[in-house]
């Protein structure tokens, strides 16, 4: 996948109003077994949601903060 296509994909994922069962944003994680469980769960969720892919985007602290801010502003 080209760098431009990757950038567009991440931009599209970030444009979603919130995480979904098949899209996760993570700041970091080095726990191999936990990552494996996460990927398995996302894969199953994508299948149930009739999605071809599931996504984990690492290094997204600002995205999480933006999504959290949106959630809090709706209260």
PDB file of N, CA and C in Angstrom:
ATOM      1  N   UNK A   1       0.844  -1.162   0.000  1.00  0.00           N
ATOM      2  CA  UNK A   1       0.000   0.000   0.000  1.00  0.00           C
ATOM      3  C   UNK A   1       0.895   1.232   0.000  1.00  0.00           C
ATOM      4  N   UNK A   2       0.590   2.170  -0.868  1.00  0.00           N
ATOM      5  CA  UNK A   2       1.405   3.377  -0.956  1.00  0.00           C
ATOM      6  C   UNK A   2       1.182   4.267   0.267  1.00  0.00           C
ATOM      7  N   UNK A   3       2.125   5.145   0.514  1.00  0.00           N
ATOM      8  CA  UNK A   3       2.016   6.068   1.646  1.00  0.00           C
ATOM      9  C   UNK A   3       0.786   6.960   1.494  1.00  0.00           C
ATOM     10  N   UNK A   4       0.496   7.384   0.297  1.00  0.00           N
ATOM     11  CA  UNK A   4      -0.677   8.245   0.061  1.00  0.00           C
ATOM     12  C   UNK A   4      -1.974   7.488   0.342  1.00  0.00           C
ATOM     13  N   UNK A   5      -2.050   6.262  -0.107  1.00  0.00           N
ATOM     14  CA  UNK A   5      -3.261   5.464   0.146  1.00  0.00           C
ATOM     15  C   UNK A   5      -3.423   5.196   1.645  1.00  0.00           C
ATOM     16  N   UNK A   6      -2.312   4.926   2.328  1.00  0.00           N
ATOM     17  CA  UNK A   6      -2.364   4.713   3.778  1.00  0.00           C
ATOM     18  C   UNK A   6      -2.852   5.978   4.473  1.00  0.00           C
ATOM     19  N   UNK A   7      -2.344   7.134   4.072  1.00  0.00           N
ATOM     20  CA  UNK A   7      -2.762   8.399   4.670  1.00  0.00           C
ATOM     21  C   UNK A   7      -4.251   8.636   4.469  1.00  0.00           C
ATOM     22  N   UNK A   8      -4.744   8.364   3.254  1.00  0.00           N
ATOM     23  CA  UNK A   8      -6.176   8.550   2.975  1.00  0.00           C
ATOM     24  C   UNK A   8      -7.024   7.602   3.812  1.00  0.00           C
ATOM     25  N   UNK A   9      -6.568   6.363   3.960  1.00  0.00           N
ATOM     26  CA  UNK A   9      -7.300   5.396   4.777  1.00  0.00           C
ATOM     27  C   UNK A   9      -7.376   5.857   6.226  1.00  0.00           C
ATOM     28  N   UNK A  10      -6.257   6.272   6.791  1.00  0.00           N
ATOM     29  CA  UNK A  10      -6.244   6.744   8.181  1.00  0.00           C
ATOM     30  C   UNK A  10      -7.122   7.985   8.317  1.00  0.00           C
ATOM     31  N   UNK A  11      -7.071   8.882   7.353  1.00  0.00           N
ATOM     32  CA  UNK A  11      -7.937  10.068   7.396  1.00  0.00           C
ATOM     33  C   UNK A  11      -9.407   9.666   7.370  1.00  0.00           C
ATOM     34  N   UNK A  12      -9.759   8.696   6.545  1.00  0.00           N
ATOM     35  CA  UNK A  12     -11.141   8.212   6.482  1.00  0.00           C
ATOM     36  C   UNK A  12     -11.570   7.596   7.811  1.00  0.00           C
ATOM     37  N   UNK A  13     -10.681   6.810   8.421  1.00  0.00           N
ATOM     38  CA  UNK A  13     -11.006   6.193   9.702  1.00  0.00           C
ATOM     39  C   UNK A  13     -11.153   7.248  10.793  1.00  0.00           C
ATOM     40  N   UNK A  14     -10.282   8.239  10.776  1.00  0.00           N
ATOM     41  CA  UNK A  14     -10.353   9.315  11.774  1.00  0.00           C
ATOM     42  C   UNK A  14     -11.612  10.157  11.608  1.00  0.00           C
ATOM     43  N   UNK A  15     -12.171  10.207  10.404  1.00  0.00           N
ATOM     44  CA  UNK A  15     -13.370  11.002  10.148  1.00  0.00           C
ATOM     45  C   UNK A  15     -14.630  10.361  10.723  1.00  0.00           C
ATOM     46  N   UNK A  16     -14.551   9.108  11.099  1.00  0.00           N
ATOM     47  CA  UNK A  16     -15.710   8.450  11.706  1.00  0.00           C
ATOM     48  C   UNK A  16     -16.044   9.165  13.016  1.00  0.00           C
ATOM     49  N   UNK A  17     -17.317   9.229  13.370  1.00  0.00           N
ATOM     50  CA  UNK A  17     -17.684   9.943  14.600  1.00  0.00           C
ATOM     51  C   UNK A  17     -17.205   9.258  15.884  1.00  0.00           C
ATOM     52  N   UNK A  18     -16.895   7.974  15.800  1.00  0.00           N
ATOM     53  CA  UNK A  18     -16.426   7.234  16.987  1.00  0.00           C
ATOM     54  C   UNK A  18     -15.818   5.920  16.537  1.00  0.00           C
ATOM     55  N   UNK A  19     -15.133   5.262  17.461  1.00  0.00           N
ATOM     56  CA  UNK A  19     -14.663   3.920  17.178  1.00  0.00           C
ATOM     57  C   UNK A  19     -15.877   3.023  16.953  1.00  0.00           C
ATOM     58  N   UNK A  20     -15.658   1.950  16.217  1.00  0.00           N
ATOM     59  CA  UNK A  20     -16.723   0.968  15.994  1.00  0.00           C
ATOM     60  C   UNK A  20     -16.242  -0.375  16.527  1.00  0.00           C
ATOM     61  N   UNK A  21     -17.049  -1.386  16.360  1.00  0.00           N
ATOM     62  CA  UNK A  21     -16.622  -2.724  16.785  1.00  0.00           C
ATOM     63  C   UNK A  21     -15.491  -3.244  15.919  1.00  0.00           C
ATOM     64  N   UNK A  22     -15.277  -2.648  14.754  1.00  0.00           N
ATOM     65  CA  UNK A  22     -14.240  -3.117  13.830  1.00  0.00           C
ATOM     66  C   UNK A  22     -13.165  -2.064  13.553  1.00  0.00           C
ATOM     67  N   UNK A  23     -13.187  -0.934  14.264  1.00  0.00           N
ATOM     68  CA  UNK A  23     -12.148   0.099  14.165  1.00  0.00           C
ATOM     69  C   UNK A  23     -11.720   0.479  15.575  1.00  0.00           C
ATOM     70  N   UNK A  24     -10.412   0.390  15.848  1.00  0.00           N
ATOM     71  CA  UNK A  24      -9.869   0.764  17.150  1.00  0.00           C
ATOM     72  C   UNK A  24      -8.702   1.723  16.949  1.00  0.00           C
ATOM     73  N   UNK A  25      -8.616   2.731  17.793  1.00  0.00           N
ATOM     74  CA  UNK A  25      -7.477   3.653  17.820  1.00  0.00           C
ATOM     75  C   UNK A  25      -6.741   3.423  19.129  1.00  0.00           C
ATOM     76  N   UNK A  26      -5.446   3.186  19.041  1.00  0.00           N
ATOM     77  CA  UNK A  26      -4.637   2.912  20.232  1.00  0.00           C
ATOM     78  C   UNK A  26      -3.419   3.827  20.244  1.00  0.00           C
ATOM     79  N   UNK A  27      -3.061   4.282  21.434  1.00  0.00           N
ATOM     80  CA  UNK A  27      -1.843   5.092  21.560  1.00  0.00           C
ATOM     81  C   UNK A  27      -0.617   4.205  21.415  1.00  0.00           C
ATOM     82  N   UNK A  28      -0.589   3.091  22.124  1.00  0.00           N
ATOM     83  CA  UNK A  28       0.515   2.139  22.026  1.00  0.00           C
ATOM     84  C   UNK A  28       0.111   0.846  22.716  1.00  0.00           C
ATOM     85  N   UNK A  29       0.845  -0.200  22.448  1.00  0.00           N
ATOM     86  CA  UNK A  29       0.608  -1.484  23.095  1.00  0.00           C
ATOM     87  C   UNK A  29       1.734  -2.424  22.678  1.00  0.00           C
ATOM     88  N   UNK A  30       2.362  -3.042  23.645  1.00  0.00           N
ATOM     89  CA  UNK A  30       3.457  -3.971  23.343  1.00  0.00           C
ATOM     90  C   UNK A  30       3.158  -5.368  23.875  1.00  0.00           C
ATOM     91  N   UNK A  31       1.932  -5.601  24.316  1.00  0.00           N
ATOM     92  CA  UNK A  31       1.541  -6.889  24.884  1.00  0.00           C
ATOM     93  C   UNK A  31       1.057  -7.806  23.764  1.00  0.00           C
ATOM     94  N   UNK A  32       1.928  -8.707  23.307  1.00  0.00           N
ATOM     95  CA  UNK A  32       1.616  -9.582  22.175  1.00  0.00           C
ATOM     96  C   UNK A  32       0.321 -10.357  22.321  1.00  0.00           C
ATOM     97  N   UNK A  33       0.098 -11.068  23.436  1.00  0.00           N
ATOM     98  CA  UNK A  33      -1.157 -11.812  23.595  1.00  0.00           C
ATOM     99  C   UNK A  33      -2.399 -10.902  23.559  1.00  0.00           C
ATOM    100  N   UNK A  34      -2.285  -9.730  24.148  1.00  0.00           N
ATOM    101  CA  UNK A  34      -3.411  -8.799  24.142  1.00  0.00           C
ATOM    102  C   UNK A  34      -3.686  -8.296  22.722  1.00  0.00           C
ATOM    103  N   UNK A  35      -2.634  -8.015  21.970  1.00  0.00           N
ATOM    104  CA  UNK A  35      -2.797  -7.591  20.577  1.00  0.00           C
ATOM    105  C   UNK A  35      -3.467  -8.701  19.768  1.00  0.00           C
ATOM    106  N   UNK A  36      -3.060  -9.942  19.998  1.00  0.00           N
ATOM    107  CA  UNK A  36      -3.674 -11.068  19.302  1.00  0.00           C
ATOM    108  C   UNK A  36      -5.163 -11.175  19.587  1.00  0.00           C
ATOM    109  N   UNK A  37      -5.546 -11.001  20.846  1.00  0.00           N
ATOM    110  CA  UNK A  37      -6.967 -11.046  21.214  1.00  0.00           C
ATOM    111  C   UNK A  37      -7.731  -9.892  20.572  1.00  0.00           C
ATOM    112  N   UNK A  38      -7.116  -8.715  20.567  1.00  0.00           N
ATOM    113  CA  UNK A  38      -7.748  -7.547  19.959  1.00  0.00           C
ATOM    114  C   UNK A  38      -7.989  -7.780  18.470  1.00  0.00           C
ATOM    115  N   UNK A  39      -6.980  -8.271  17.789  1.00  0.00           N
ATOM    116  CA  UNK A  39      -7.113  -8.511  16.348  1.00  0.00           C
ATOM    117  C   UNK A  39      -8.165  -9.577  16.069  1.00  0.00           C
ATOM    118  N   UNK A  40      -8.188 -10.613  16.872  1.00  0.00           N
ATOM    119  CA  UNK A  40      -9.201 -11.656  16.710  1.00  0.00           C
ATOM    120  C   UNK A  40     -10.602 -11.091  16.915  1.00  0.00           C
ATOM    121  N   UNK A  41     -10.779 -10.292  17.968  1.00  0.00           N
ATOM    122  CA  UNK A  41     -12.089  -9.705  18.247  1.00  0.00           C
ATOM    123  C   UNK A  41     -12.517  -8.755  17.127  1.00  0.00           C
ATOM    124  N   UNK A  42     -11.585  -7.930  16.648  1.00  0.00           N
ATOM    125  CA  UNK A  42     -11.906  -7.003  15.557  1.00  0.00           C
ATOM    126  C   UNK A  42     -12.261  -7.758  14.281  1.00  0.00           C
ATOM    127  N   UNK A  43     -11.540  -8.824  14.010  1.00  0.00           N
ATOM    128  CA  UNK A  43     -11.817  -9.643  12.830  1.00  0.00           C
ATOM    129  C   UNK A  43     -13.226 -10.221  12.893  1.00  0.00           C
ATOM    130  N   UNK A  44     -13.585 -10.772  14.040  1.00  0.00           N
ATOM    131  CA  UNK A  44     -14.927 -11.334  14.208  1.00  0.00           C
ATOM    132  C   UNK A  44     -15.995 -10.249  14.099  1.00  0.00           C
ATOM    133  N   UNK A  45     -15.731  -9.089  14.702  1.00  0.00           N
ATOM    134  CA  UNK A  45     -16.691  -7.984  14.655  1.00  0.00           C
ATOM    135  C   UNK A  45     -16.880  -7.480  13.220  1.00  0.00           C
ATOM    136  N   UNK A  46     -15.790  -7.406  12.464  1.00  0.00           N
ATOM    137  CA  UNK A  46     -15.893  -6.966  11.071  1.00  0.00           C
ATOM    138  C   UNK A  46     -16.764  -7.933  10.278  1.00  0.00           C
ATOM    139  N   UNK A  47     -16.578  -9.211  10.509  1.00  0.00           N
ATOM    140  CA  UNK A  47     -17.372 -10.215   9.802  1.00  0.00           C
ATOM    141  C   UNK A  47     -18.850 -10.072  10.144  1.00  0.00           C
ATOM    142  N   UNK A  48     -19.148  -9.886  11.423  1.00  0.00           N
ATOM    143  CA  UNK A  48     -20.540  -9.735  11.854  1.00  0.00           C
ATOM    144  C   UNK A  48     -21.167  -8.447  11.315  1.00  0.00           C
ATOM    145  N   UNK A  49     -20.343  -7.415  11.116  1.00  0.00           N
ATOM    146  CA  UNK A  49     -20.836  -6.133  10.584  1.00  0.00           C
ATOM    147  C   UNK A  49     -20.796  -6.090   9.058  1.00  0.00           C
ATOM    148  N   UNK A  50     -20.488  -7.225   8.441  1.00  0.00           N
ATOM    149  CA  UNK A  50     -20.405  -7.341   6.978  1.00  0.00           C
ATOM    150  C   UNK A  50     -19.366  -6.385   6.391  1.00  0.00           C
ATOM    151  N   UNK A  51     -18.239  -6.233   7.101  1.00  0.00           N
ATOM    152  CA  UNK A  51     -17.115  -5.418   6.637  1.00  0.00           C
ATOM    153  C   UNK A  51     -16.014  -6.355   6.142  1.00  0.00           C
ATOM    154  N   UNK A  52     -15.307  -5.944   5.111  1.00  0.00           N
ATOM    155  CA  UNK A  52     -14.228  -6.766   4.566  1.00  0.00           C
ATOM    156  C   UNK A  52     -12.959  -6.704   5.405  1.00  0.00           C
ATOM    157  N   UNK A  53     -12.790  -5.615   6.156  1.00  0.00           N
ATOM    158  CA  UNK A  53     -11.574  -5.414   6.933  1.00  0.00           C
ATOM    159  C   UNK A  53     -11.912  -4.866   8.310  1.00  0.00           C
ATOM    160  N   UNK A  54     -10.991  -5.084   9.244  1.00  0.00           N
ATOM    161  CA  UNK A  54     -11.020  -4.432  10.548  1.00  0.00           C
ATOM    162  C   UNK A  54      -9.718  -3.643  10.662  1.00  0.00           C
ATOM    163  N   UNK A  55      -9.705  -2.617  11.504  1.00  0.00           N
ATOM    164  CA  UNK A  55      -8.533  -1.751  11.578  1.00  0.00           C
ATOM    165  C   UNK A  55      -8.141  -1.458  13.016  1.00  0.00           C
ATOM    166  N   UNK A  56      -6.835  -1.483  13.268  1.00  0.00           N
ATOM    167  CA  UNK A  56      -6.256  -0.967  14.497  1.00  0.00           C
ATOM    168  C   UNK A  56      -5.256   0.089  14.056  1.00  0.00           C
ATOM    169  N   UNK A  57      -5.437   1.307  14.537  1.00  0.00           N
ATOM    170  CA  UNK A  57      -4.525   2.397  14.191  1.00  0.00           C
ATOM    171  C   UNK A  57      -3.767   2.764  15.452  1.00  0.00           C
ATOM    172  N   UNK A  58      -2.457   2.522  15.431  1.00  0.00           N
ATOM    173  CA  UNK A  58      -1.608   2.818  16.590  1.00  0.00           C
ATOM    174  C   UNK A  58      -1.036   4.232  16.480  1.00  0.00           C
ATOM    175  N   UNK A  59      -0.758   4.830  17.644  1.00  0.00           N
ATOM    176  CA  UNK A  59      -0.127   6.148  17.685  1.00  0.00           C
ATOM    177  C   UNK A  59      -1.126   7.278  17.541  1.00  0.00           C
ATOM    178  N   UNK A  60      -2.316   7.097  18.086  1.00  0.00           N
ATOM    179  CA  UNK A  60      -3.394   8.061  17.853  1.00  0.00           C
ATOM    180  C   UNK A  60      -3.936   8.684  19.126  1.00  0.00           C
ATOM    181  N   UNK A  61      -3.065   9.133  19.984  1.00  0.00           N
ATOM    182  CA  UNK A  61      -3.527   9.761  21.223  1.00  0.00           C
ATOM    183  C   UNK A  61      -4.425  10.958  20.926  1.00  0.00           C
ATOM    184  N   UNK A  62      -4.078  11.790  19.959  1.00  0.00           N
ATOM    185  CA  UNK A  62      -4.883  12.977  19.670  1.00  0.00           C
ATOM    186  C   UNK A  62      -6.242  12.585  19.108  1.00  0.00           C
ATOM    187  N   UNK A  63      -6.304  11.511  18.341  1.00  0.00           N
ATOM    188  CA  UNK A  63      -7.588  11.051  17.817  1.00  0.00           C
ATOM    189  C   UNK A  63      -8.476  10.611  18.966  1.00  0.00           C
ATOM    190  N   UNK A  64      -7.908   9.876  19.904  1.00  0.00           N
ATOM    191  CA  UNK A  64      -8.686   9.421  21.048  1.00  0.00           C
ATOM    192  C   UNK A  64      -9.197  10.620  21.831  1.00  0.00           C
ATOM    193  N   UNK A  65      -8.366  11.610  22.025  1.00  0.00           N
ATOM    194  CA  UNK A  65      -8.789  12.789  22.757  1.00  0.00           C
ATOM    195  C   UNK A  65      -9.901  13.514  22.001  1.00  0.00           C
ATOM    196  N   UNK A  66      -9.795  13.603  20.688  1.00  0.00           N
ATOM    197  CA  UNK A  66     -10.832  14.263  19.903  1.00  0.00           C
ATOM    198  C   UNK A  66     -12.139  13.497  20.007  1.00  0.00           C
ATOM    199  N   UNK A  67     -12.062  12.164  19.908  1.00  0.00           N
ATOM    200  CA  UNK A  67     -13.268  11.354  20.013  1.00  0.00           C
ATOM    201  C   UNK A  67     -13.861  11.461  21.412  1.00  0.00           C
ATOM    202  N   UNK A  68     -13.024  11.471  22.434  1.00  0.00           N
ATOM    203  CA  UNK A  68     -13.505  11.612  23.801  1.00  0.00           C
ATOM    204  C   UNK A  68     -14.184  12.962  23.982  1.00  0.00           C
ATOM    205  N   UNK A  69     -13.604  13.996  23.414  1.00  0.00           N
ATOM    206  CA  UNK A  69     -14.190  15.327  23.528  1.00  0.00           C
ATOM    207  C   UNK A  69     -15.564  15.367  22.876  1.00  0.00           C
ATOM    208  N   UNK A  70     -15.708  14.717  21.748  1.00  0.00           N
ATOM    209  CA  UNK A  70     -17.016  14.667  21.083  1.00  0.00           C
ATOM    210  C   UNK A  70     -18.025  13.943  21.959  1.00  0.00           C
ATOM    211  N   UNK A  71     -17.631  12.834  22.549  1.00  0.00           N
ATOM    212  CA  UNK A  71     -18.524  12.075  23.408  1.00  0.00           C
ATOM    213  C   UNK A  71     -18.953  12.907  24.601  1.00  0.00           C
ATOM    214  N   UNK A  72     -18.002  13.556  25.245  1.00  0.00           N
ATOM    215  CA  UNK A  72     -18.315  14.359  26.427  1.00  0.00           C
ATOM    216  C   UNK A  72     -19.196  15.553  26.090  1.00  0.00           C
ATOM    217  N   UNK A  73     -19.022  16.128  24.909  1.00  0.00           N
ATOM    218  CA  UNK A  73     -19.820  17.299  24.541  1.00  0.00           C
ATOM    219  C   UNK A  73     -21.269  16.929  24.260  1.00  0.00           C
ATOM    220  N   UNK A  74     -21.572  15.665  24.049  1.00  0.00           N
ATOM    221  CA  UNK A  74     -22.944  15.218  23.785  1.00  0.00           C
ATOM    222  C   UNK A  74     -23.734  14.989  25.071  1.00  0.00           C
ATOM    223  N   UNK A  75     -23.055  14.995  26.190  1.00  0.00           N
ATOM    224  CA  UNK A  75     -23.754  14.724  27.474  1.00  0.00           C
ATOM    225  C   UNK A  75     -24.600  15.875  27.888  1.00  0.00           C
TER     226      UNK A  75
END
